[in-house]
């Protein structure tokens, strides 16, 4: 490692950052939510030239995933009951329709009426190693086209809501099924839904969460592996279809005297569930799933 570091050129890193920005920026959009106008017109304000202006209620970022206008973003960006407006890199504004929402993974798919867009190139989040350089692109505080740089700090972060430091965050992951990548890339409100990319400008994550109200050196993204699976489900069904086993899981309590590792135990098996029909009973311990060793409940889920 020491020998390799002697050959590192910071000028080379600068060139990589500039090239990544040029490649990714045309594939990222700014999303703004505008309050829907009621019959009284109370959601509008009048400008000096007497044209109505819809009051913005929220904002975020999005990733172009097809030439014909499909855009992937975060579900929490679209939570408010508002009209979705997309600003393309050339500042053209187009209305968007919601195609699919998935609160479990905090992902959403929207569609604009456009052609010949530049879709993002997909990378493999599983291939990225801790310490690898990564870049985030998005619209922090509405500043569209912003690029920040850092390294991948960790992988497979689970159940962030159990962390007291995270409970007060503005942007929360709502599901225990989360499998997040951690980085030190500067991400702030407005970056949500924007891409995390590798040195080739390929999508390896979707920025989705921070610790606290603003950037503190820790940010989280949804791996591209999960995002691609959810996108395929949105395009095929308009929603995410999931399997169901019908079990309640818990960690086995192991006393100090026992020379054994705690295992996942089935606390409840629901009647006439797929698990019961498969011959699984309360008290069974799960040691492996599909040939993979199971260490804890989160791992099995």
Protein backbone atom coordinates (compact mmCIF):
# COMPACT_ATOMS: atom_id res chain seq x y z
CA UNK A 1 0.00 0.00 0.00
CA UNK A 2 2.85 2.38 0.83
CA UNK A 3 4.47 1.81 -2.54
CA UNK A 4 1.17 2.36 -4.34
CA UNK A 5 0.51 5.61 -2.46
CA UNK A 6 3.84 7.02 -3.67
CA UNK A 7 2.50 6.81 -7.21
CA UNK A 8 -0.80 8.53 -6.48
CA UNK A 9 -1.26 11.80 -8.36
CA UNK A 10 -3.63 14.38 -6.91
CA UNK A 11 -3.81 15.93 -10.37
CA UNK A 12 -5.12 12.59 -11.59
CA UNK A 13 -7.78 12.56 -8.86
CA UNK A 14 -8.81 16.09 -9.86
CA UNK A 15 -9.21 15.01 -13.47
CA UNK A 16 -11.30 12.02 -12.38
CA UNK A 17 -13.60 14.27 -10.32
CA UNK A 18 -14.07 16.67 -13.21
CA UNK A 19 -14.81 13.83 -15.62
CA UNK A 20 -17.27 12.21 -13.19
CA UNK A 21 -19.10 15.53 -12.83
CA UNK A 22 -19.33 16.01 -16.60
CA UNK A 23 -20.67 12.49 -17.08
CA UNK A 24 -23.17 12.39 -14.21
CA UNK A 25 -24.62 15.91 -14.07
CA UNK A 26 -26.64 15.59 -17.33
CA UNK A 27 -28.30 12.49 -15.82
CA UNK A 28 -29.52 14.11 -12.58
CA UNK A 29 -32.63 16.25 -12.17
CA UNK A 30 -33.92 18.63 -9.51
CA UNK A 31 -37.35 17.74 -8.13
CA UNK A 32 -39.63 20.39 -6.66
CA UNK A 33 -43.02 19.87 -5.09
CA UNK A 34 -45.56 22.61 -5.69
CA UNK A 35 -48.67 23.02 -3.54
CA UNK A 36 -51.84 21.98 -5.31
CA UNK A 37 -54.22 24.82 -5.94
CA UNK A 38 -57.66 24.45 -4.36
CA UNK A 39 -60.86 26.02 -5.66
CA UNK A 40 -60.10 29.29 -3.90
CA UNK A 41 -56.63 29.49 -5.45
CA UNK A 42 -55.03 29.69 -2.01
CA UNK A 43 -51.95 27.73 -3.06
CA UNK A 44 -50.86 30.39 -5.57
CA UNK A 45 -49.17 33.75 -5.20
CA UNK A 46 -49.35 36.48 -7.82
CA UNK A 47 -46.19 37.95 -9.29
CA UNK A 48 -45.80 41.46 -10.70
CA UNK A 49 -46.67 40.32 -14.23
CA UNK A 50 -49.93 38.76 -12.89
CA UNK A 51 -48.82 35.16 -13.56
CA UNK A 52 -49.61 32.66 -10.78
CA UNK A 53 -46.69 31.03 -8.99
CA UNK A 54 -47.19 27.81 -7.02
CA UNK A 55 -45.61 27.87 -3.58
CA UNK A 56 -42.94 25.13 -3.26
CA UNK A 57 -43.50 22.61 -0.47
CA UNK A 58 -40.43 20.39 -0.82
CA UNK A 59 -37.51 19.44 -2.99
CA UNK A 60 -35.09 16.65 -3.79
CA UNK A 61 -33.08 15.06 -6.56
CA UNK A 62 -33.74 12.35 -9.12
CA UNK A 63 -31.84 10.04 -11.45
CA UNK A 64 -32.75 9.59 -15.10
CA UNK A 65 -32.96 5.83 -15.72
CA UNK A 66 -34.40 5.75 -19.25
CA UNK A 67 -34.32 7.83 -22.41
CA UNK A 68 -38.11 8.25 -22.36
CA UNK A 69 -38.46 9.99 -19.01
CA UNK A 70 -38.42 7.51 -16.13
CA UNK A 71 -36.74 9.00 -13.04
CA UNK A 72 -35.80 7.21 -9.82
CA UNK A 73 -35.86 9.09 -6.50
CA UNK A 74 -36.66 8.67 -2.80
CA UNK A 75 -40.16 7.94 -1.60
CA UNK A 76 -39.86 10.48 1.23
CA UNK A 77 -39.19 13.24 -1.32
CA UNK A 78 -42.75 12.73 -2.62
CA UNK A 79 -44.52 12.28 0.71
CA UNK A 80 -46.46 15.55 0.63
CA UNK A 81 -49.69 15.82 -1.36
CA UNK A 82 -48.27 18.13 -4.00
CA UNK A 83 -47.65 18.39 -7.71
CA UNK A 84 -44.28 17.00 -8.79
CA UNK A 85 -42.18 19.26 -11.00
CA UNK A 86 -38.92 18.11 -12.58
CA UNK A 87 -36.18 20.50 -13.65
CA UNK A 88 -33.88 18.99 -16.28
CA UNK A 89 -30.18 19.91 -16.47
CA UNK A 90 -31.03 22.44 -19.22
CA UNK A 91 -33.45 24.14 -16.74
CA UNK A 92 -36.51 22.93 -18.63
CA UNK A 93 -39.37 22.29 -16.17
CA UNK A 94 -41.81 19.42 -16.78
CA UNK A 95 -44.64 17.99 -14.66
CA UNK A 96 -44.19 14.39 -13.48
CA UNK A 97 -46.54 11.55 -12.69
CA UNK A 98 -45.86 9.06 -9.89
CA UNK A 99 -45.45 5.51 -11.22
CA UNK A 100 -44.59 3.64 -8.03
CA UNK A 101 -43.86 4.22 -4.35
CA UNK A 102 -42.17 1.86 -1.88
CA UNK A 103 -41.89 3.05 1.70
CA UNK A 104 -39.97 -0.04 2.77
CA UNK A 105 -36.91 0.80 0.65
CA UNK A 106 -37.65 4.56 0.45
CA UNK A 107 -37.66 4.45 -3.35
CA UNK A 108 -40.05 5.93 -5.90
CA UNK A 109 -40.37 6.09 -9.67
CA UNK A 110 -41.79 9.07 -11.55
CA UNK A 111 -42.32 9.73 -15.27
CA UNK A 112 -42.05 12.88 -17.36
CA UNK A 113 -43.09 13.37 -20.98
CA UNK A 114 -39.66 13.59 -22.59
CA UNK A 115 -37.48 11.78 -25.10
CA UNK A 116 -33.77 11.38 -25.85
CA UNK A 117 -32.70 11.86 -22.24
CA UNK A 118 -29.35 10.59 -20.95
CA UNK A 119 -29.92 7.67 -18.55
CA UNK A 120 -27.47 6.85 -15.77
CA UNK A 121 -25.11 3.92 -16.22
CA UNK A 122 -25.60 1.26 -13.56
CA UNK A 123 -22.73 -0.02 -11.43
CA UNK A 124 -22.58 -2.89 -8.95
CA UNK A 125 -22.68 -1.79 -5.31
CA UNK A 126 -21.54 -5.25 -4.19
CA UNK A 127 -18.23 -4.81 -6.02
CA UNK A 128 -17.39 -1.53 -4.26
CA UNK A 129 -14.97 -1.93 -1.36
CA UNK A 130 -14.76 0.17 1.80
CA UNK A 131 -12.34 3.04 1.23
CA UNK A 132 -13.26 3.41 -2.45
CA UNK A 133 -13.75 6.99 -3.71
CA UNK A 134 -17.35 7.99 -4.35
CA UNK A 135 -19.13 11.12 -5.57
CA UNK A 136 -22.61 12.46 -4.80
CA UNK A 137 -24.57 14.63 -7.22
CA UNK A 138 -27.79 16.45 -6.40
CA UNK A 139 -29.49 19.62 -5.21
CA UNK A 140 -28.55 20.35 -1.59
CA UNK A 141 -30.75 23.22 -0.36
CA UNK A 142 -31.96 23.59 -3.97
CA UNK A 143 -28.48 24.17 -5.42
CA UNK A 144 -28.86 21.87 -8.42
CA UNK A 145 -25.87 20.22 -10.07
CA UNK A 146 -23.79 20.15 -6.88
CA UNK A 147 -21.01 17.56 -6.70
CA UNK A 148 -19.30 16.33 -3.52
CA UNK A 149 -16.54 13.79 -3.00
CA UNK A 150 -15.59 11.27 -0.31
CA UNK A 151 -15.01 7.60 0.39
CA UNK A 152 -17.21 4.65 1.14
CA UNK A 153 -17.08 4.32 4.94
CA UNK A 154 -19.13 1.17 5.51
CA UNK A 155 -21.62 -1.28 4.06
CA UNK A 156 -24.71 -3.15 5.28
CA UNK A 157 -25.77 -0.59 7.87
CA UNK A 158 -29.08 -1.78 9.36
CA UNK A 159 -31.91 -0.33 11.44
CA UNK A 160 -30.60 3.22 11.81
CA UNK A 161 -33.71 4.26 13.72
CA UNK A 162 -32.38 2.36 16.74
CA UNK A 163 -29.54 4.90 16.94
CA UNK A 164 -30.47 7.83 19.23
CA UNK A 165 -28.31 10.15 17.11
CA UNK A 166 -30.44 9.30 14.09
CA UNK A 167 -33.89 9.63 15.65
CA UNK A 168 -33.85 13.41 15.33
CA UNK A 169 -32.86 13.37 11.68
CA UNK A 170 -35.00 15.14 9.17
CA UNK A 171 -34.81 12.29 6.69
CA UNK A 172 -35.50 8.89 8.23
CA UNK A 173 -35.35 5.35 7.01
CA UNK A 174 -38.64 3.85 8.10
CA UNK A 175 -37.95 0.16 7.72
CA UNK A 176 -35.83 -2.41 9.49
CA UNK A 177 -35.25 -4.00 6.08
CA UNK A 178 -32.81 -1.25 5.12
CA UNK A 179 -29.37 -2.33 3.89
CA UNK A 180 -27.45 0.92 3.52
CA UNK A 181 -24.01 2.05 2.46
CA UNK A 182 -22.28 4.66 4.61
CA UNK A 183 -19.98 7.35 3.21
CA UNK A 184 -18.45 10.65 4.27
CA UNK A 185 -19.68 12.43 1.14
CA UNK A 186 -21.34 15.75 1.95
CA UNK A 187 -25.11 15.15 1.64
CA UNK A 188 -27.72 17.66 2.83
CA UNK A 189 -31.50 18.10 2.52
CA UNK A 190 -32.19 18.28 -1.21
CA UNK A 191 -29.62 15.61 -2.07
CA UNK A 192 -32.20 12.90 -1.36
CA UNK A 193 -32.85 10.79 -4.44
CA UNK A 194 -29.62 11.80 -6.14
CA UNK A 195 -26.90 9.35 -7.21
CA UNK A 196 -23.82 8.11 -5.45
CA UNK A 197 -21.36 7.08 -8.19
CA UNK A 198 -17.99 5.40 -8.53
CA UNK A 199 -14.90 6.65 -10.38
CA UNK A 200 -16.45 5.58 -13.69
CA UNK A 201 -19.55 7.67 -13.08
CA UNK A 202 -21.68 4.55 -12.59
CA UNK A 203 -24.60 4.48 -10.17
CA UNK A 204 -23.72 2.50 -7.06
CA UNK A 205 -26.16 4.08 -4.59
CA UNK A 206 -29.06 6.49 -4.10
CA UNK A 207 -28.47 9.11 -1.41
CA UNK A 208 -31.24 8.86 1.14
CA UNK A 209 -30.31 9.81 4.70
CA UNK A 210 -28.07 11.82 6.98
CA UNK A 211 -27.48 11.91 10.72
CA UNK A 212 -28.94 15.11 12.16
CA UNK A 213 -30.51 18.11 10.46
CA UNK A 214 -27.49 18.75 8.25
CA UNK A 215 -24.29 17.04 7.13
CA UNK A 216 -22.07 15.77 9.96
CA UNK A 217 -19.66 13.60 8.03
CA UNK A 218 -21.97 10.59 7.90
CA UNK A 219 -24.42 9.94 5.08
CA UNK A 220 -26.24 6.88 3.81
CA UNK A 221 -27.32 5.56 0.42
CA UNK A 222 -29.42 2.70 -0.91
CA UNK A 223 -27.22 0.18 -2.79
CA UNK A 224 -27.70 0.05 -6.55
CA UNK A 225 -28.35 -3.69 -6.22
CA UNK A 226 -31.54 -2.99 -4.27
CA UNK A 227 -32.48 0.04 -6.38
CA UNK A 228 -32.31 -1.97 -9.60
CA UNK A 229 -34.53 -4.72 -8.20
CA UNK A 230 -37.11 -2.16 -7.04
CA UNK A 231 -36.99 -0.33 -10.39
CA UNK A 232 -37.68 -3.56 -12.27
CA UNK A 233 -40.71 -4.20 -10.02
CA UNK A 234 -42.00 -0.66 -10.53
CA UNK A 235 -41.77 -1.00 -14.30
CA UNK A 236 -43.42 -4.43 -14.30
CA UNK A 237 -46.13 -3.98 -11.65
CA UNK A 238 -46.20 -0.35 -10.49
CA UNK A 239 -45.33 -1.52 -6.99
CA UNK A 240 -42.98 -3.89 -5.16
CA UNK A 241 -44.29 -7.41 -4.62
CA UNK A 242 -42.71 -9.29 -1.72
CA UNK A 243 -42.81 -12.80 -0.37
CA UNK A 244 -44.30 -13.61 3.04
CA UNK A 245 -43.35 -16.47 5.32
CA UNK A 246 -45.70 -15.94 8.26
CA UNK A 247 -43.15 -16.12 11.08
CA UNK A 248 -41.99 -13.96 13.96
CA UNK A 249 -38.23 -14.07 14.54
CA UNK A 250 -36.11 -13.51 17.64
CA UNK A 251 -32.53 -14.07 18.74
CA UNK A 252 -31.97 -17.12 20.91
CA UNK A 253 -30.83 -16.34 24.44
CA UNK A 254 -27.59 -18.17 25.21
CA UNK A 255 -26.31 -18.37 28.79
CA UNK A 256 -22.68 -17.70 29.63
CA UNK A 257 -22.13 -21.37 30.45
CA UNK A 258 -23.02 -22.51 26.95
CA UNK A 259 -20.26 -22.63 24.41
CA UNK A 260 -22.45 -21.71 21.46
CA UNK A 261 -23.36 -18.76 19.32
CA UNK A 262 -26.89 -17.35 19.57
CA UNK A 263 -29.10 -18.31 16.65
CA UNK A 264 -32.27 -17.00 15.10
CA UNK A 265 -35.27 -18.78 16.63
CA UNK A 266 -38.82 -18.87 15.29
CA UNK A 267 -40.94 -17.46 18.10
CA UNK A 268 -44.27 -17.60 16.26
CA UNK A 269 -45.43 -19.49 13.17
CA UNK A 270 -48.82 -18.32 11.93
CA UNK A 271 -51.49 -20.92 11.18
CA UNK A 272 -51.83 -21.93 7.52
CA UNK A 273 -48.82 -19.76 6.61
CA UNK A 274 -46.25 -20.77 3.99
CA UNK A 275 -43.83 -21.49 6.83
CA UNK A 276 -46.25 -23.86 8.57
CA UNK A 277 -47.10 -25.62 5.32
CA UNK A 278 -43.36 -26.10 4.75
CA UNK A 279 -43.03 -27.92 8.07
CA UNK A 280 -41.51 -25.15 10.17
CA UNK A 281 -42.47 -25.02 13.86
CA UNK A 282 -42.18 -22.54 16.75
CA UNK A 283 -38.85 -23.05 18.48
CA UNK A 284 -37.02 -24.09 15.32
CA UNK A 285 -33.63 -22.46 14.90
CA UNK A 286 -32.49 -21.16 11.53
CA UNK A 287 -28.82 -21.96 10.90
CA UNK A 288 -28.66 -21.43 7.14
CA UNK A 289 -30.78 -19.92 4.39
CA UNK A 290 -30.22 -20.96 0.78
CA UNK A 291 -26.79 -22.27 1.73
CA UNK A 292 -25.75 -19.06 3.49
CA UNK A 293 -25.00 -18.99 7.22
CA UNK A 294 -27.42 -16.85 9.26
CA UNK A 295 -25.91 -14.75 12.06
CA UNK A 296 -28.84 -12.67 13.28
CA UNK A 297 -32.41 -11.62 12.54
CA UNK A 298 -31.45 -8.71 10.30
CA UNK A 299 -29.16 -10.95 8.29
CA UNK A 300 -31.94 -13.50 7.75
CA UNK A 301 -34.48 -10.82 6.74
